[in-house]
Amino acid sequence: MMELINNRGMRDWMIFIKVAEVGNLSRAARELDISISAVSKSLSRLENSIEVTLLR
């Protein structure tokens, strides 16, 4: 599914939503079929773009 989303900002939001739904990075990564590192980088990019810490 994630390969179909070309817009990076939208992709970052979709990843954040999945992490929020499932409760942790590793499960979100598994369900999205991407690496934990990709999830982490996406969340960092999103947090930097909106200047808000989303997860602790």
N, C-alpha and C. Protein backbone atom coordinates (compact mmCIF):
# COMPACT_ATOMS: atom_id res chain seq x y z
N MET A 1 0.81 -1.19 0.00
CA MET A 1 0.00 0.00 0.00
C MET A 1 0.85 1.26 0.00
N MET A 2 1.91 1.30 0.81
CA MET A 2 2.69 2.52 0.95
C MET A 2 3.38 2.92 -0.35
N GLU A 3 3.71 1.96 -1.20
CA GLU A 3 4.37 2.30 -2.46
C GLU A 3 3.45 3.09 -3.39
N LEU A 4 2.16 3.05 -3.16
CA LEU A 4 1.20 3.78 -3.99
C LEU A 4 1.09 5.25 -3.61
N ILE A 5 1.58 5.60 -2.44
CA ILE A 5 1.48 6.98 -1.98
C ILE A 5 2.77 7.71 -2.31
N ASN A 6 2.72 8.58 -3.31
CA ASN A 6 3.91 9.28 -3.78
C ASN A 6 4.16 10.57 -3.02
N ASN A 7 3.14 11.22 -2.55
CA ASN A 7 3.29 12.47 -1.83
C ASN A 7 3.88 12.20 -0.46
N ARG A 8 5.11 12.68 -0.22
CA ARG A 8 5.81 12.37 1.02
C ARG A 8 5.05 12.84 2.26
N GLY A 9 4.49 14.03 2.21
CA GLY A 9 3.75 14.54 3.37
C GLY A 9 2.55 13.66 3.71
N MET A 10 1.82 13.24 2.69
CA MET A 10 0.67 12.36 2.91
C MET A 10 1.14 11.01 3.44
N ARG A 11 2.21 10.51 2.89
CA ARG A 11 2.77 9.23 3.34
C ARG A 11 3.15 9.32 4.82
N ASP A 12 3.80 10.42 5.21
CA ASP A 12 4.20 10.60 6.61
C ASP A 12 2.98 10.60 7.53
N TRP A 13 1.91 11.27 7.12
CA TRP A 13 0.68 11.28 7.93
C TRP A 13 0.07 9.88 8.02
N MET A 14 0.07 9.15 6.91
CA MET A 14 -0.48 7.79 6.91
C MET A 14 0.31 6.88 7.87
N ILE A 15 1.63 7.04 7.86
CA ILE A 15 2.47 6.25 8.76
C ILE A 15 2.18 6.63 10.21
N PHE A 16 2.09 7.91 10.50
CA PHE A 16 1.76 8.35 11.85
C PHE A 16 0.42 7.77 12.31
N ILE A 17 -0.57 7.83 11.46
CA ILE A 17 -1.90 7.29 11.80
C ILE A 17 -1.81 5.80 12.12
N LYS A 18 -1.05 5.05 11.33
CA LYS A 18 -0.90 3.61 11.58
C LYS A 18 -0.22 3.38 12.93
N VAL A 19 0.85 4.14 13.23
CA VAL A 19 1.54 3.99 14.52
C VAL A 19 0.56 4.28 15.65
N ALA A 20 -0.22 5.33 15.52
CA ALA A 20 -1.20 5.68 16.56
C ALA A 20 -2.25 4.58 16.71
N GLU A 21 -2.67 3.99 15.62
CA GLU A 21 -3.68 2.92 15.66
C GLU A 21 -3.16 1.67 16.35
N VAL A 22 -1.94 1.26 16.01
CA VAL A 22 -1.44 -0.03 16.52
C VAL A 22 -0.62 0.11 17.79
N GLY A 23 -0.13 1.30 18.09
CA GLY A 23 0.52 1.53 19.37
C GLY A 23 2.03 1.41 19.42
N ASN A 24 2.67 0.94 18.35
CA ASN A 24 4.13 0.91 18.37
C ASN A 24 4.71 0.89 16.96
N LEU A 25 5.99 1.30 16.89
CA LEU A 25 6.65 1.44 15.59
C LEU A 25 6.84 0.11 14.87
N SER A 26 7.25 -0.92 15.60
CA SER A 26 7.56 -2.18 14.93
C SER A 26 6.32 -2.83 14.33
N ARG A 27 5.22 -2.79 15.03
CA ARG A 27 3.98 -3.37 14.47
C ARG A 27 3.50 -2.56 13.27
N ALA A 28 3.58 -1.24 13.37
CA ALA A 28 3.20 -0.39 12.24
C ALA A 28 4.07 -0.70 11.03
N ALA A 29 5.37 -0.85 11.25
CA ALA A 29 6.28 -1.16 10.15
C ALA A 29 5.91 -2.49 9.51
N ARG A 30 5.63 -3.50 10.32
CA ARG A 30 5.22 -4.80 9.79
C ARG A 30 3.95 -4.69 8.96
N GLU A 31 2.95 -3.99 9.50
CA GLU A 31 1.67 -3.89 8.80
C GLU A 31 1.77 -3.07 7.52
N LEU A 32 2.70 -2.11 7.49
CA LEU A 32 2.88 -1.28 6.29
C LEU A 32 3.91 -1.86 5.33
N ASP A 33 4.59 -2.92 5.78
CA ASP A 33 5.63 -3.58 4.99
C ASP A 33 6.77 -2.62 4.65
N ILE A 34 7.20 -1.87 5.68
CA ILE A 34 8.36 -1.00 5.57
C ILE A 34 9.24 -1.22 6.79
N SER A 35 10.45 -0.71 6.78
CA SER A 35 11.36 -0.91 7.90
C SER A 35 10.99 -0.01 9.08
N ILE A 36 11.43 -0.43 10.26
CA ILE A 36 11.23 0.39 11.46
C ILE A 36 11.96 1.72 11.28
N SER A 37 13.13 1.68 10.66
CA SER A 37 13.88 2.90 10.39
C SER A 37 13.09 3.86 9.51
N ALA A 38 12.41 3.34 8.51
CA ALA A 38 11.59 4.19 7.63
C ALA A 38 10.44 4.82 8.41
N VAL A 39 9.85 4.07 9.32
CA VAL A 39 8.77 4.61 10.16
C VAL A 39 9.32 5.73 11.03
N SER A 40 10.45 5.48 11.67
CA SER A 40 11.06 6.47 12.55
C SER A 40 11.42 7.75 11.79
N LYS A 41 12.04 7.60 10.64
CA LYS A 41 12.42 8.77 9.83
C LYS A 41 11.19 9.55 9.38
N SER A 42 10.16 8.84 9.02
CA SER A 42 8.92 9.48 8.59
C SER A 42 8.32 10.30 9.72
N LEU A 43 8.28 9.72 10.92
CA LEU A 43 7.73 10.44 12.07
C LEU A 43 8.57 11.67 12.40
N SER A 44 9.89 11.54 12.33
CA SER A 44 10.77 12.68 12.59
C SER A 44 10.54 13.79 11.57
N ARG A 45 10.43 13.40 10.32
CA ARG A 45 10.19 14.38 9.25
C ARG A 45 8.86 15.10 9.49
N LEU A 46 7.83 14.36 9.86
CA LEU A 46 6.51 14.94 10.11
C LEU A 46 6.57 15.89 11.30
N GLU A 47 7.18 15.45 12.39
CA GLU A 47 7.30 16.30 13.57
C GLU A 47 8.05 17.59 13.26
N ASN A 48 9.12 17.48 12.48
CA ASN A 48 9.87 18.68 12.10
C ASN A 48 9.05 19.62 11.23
N SER A 49 8.26 19.05 10.35
CA SER A 49 7.48 19.89 9.43
C SER A 49 6.36 20.65 10.13
N ILE A 50 5.79 20.06 11.18
CA ILE A 50 4.70 20.74 11.88
C ILE A 50 5.15 21.34 13.22
N GLU A 51 6.43 21.12 13.56
CA GLU A 51 7.05 21.66 14.77
C GLU A 51 6.29 21.27 16.04
N VAL A 52 5.91 19.99 16.08
CA VAL A 52 5.20 19.43 17.24
C VAL A 52 5.72 18.02 17.47
N THR A 53 5.94 17.66 18.75
CA THR A 53 6.28 16.28 19.08
C THR A 53 4.99 15.48 19.13
N LEU A 54 4.89 14.48 18.27
CA LEU A 54 3.66 13.70 18.17
C LEU A 54 3.65 12.50 19.11
N LEU A 55 4.79 11.87 19.29
CA LEU A 55 4.89 10.67 20.13
C LEU A 55 6.04 10.83 21.10
N ARG A 56 5.89 10.20 22.24
CA ARG A 56 6.97 10.22 23.23
C ARG A 56 7.52 8.84 23.41
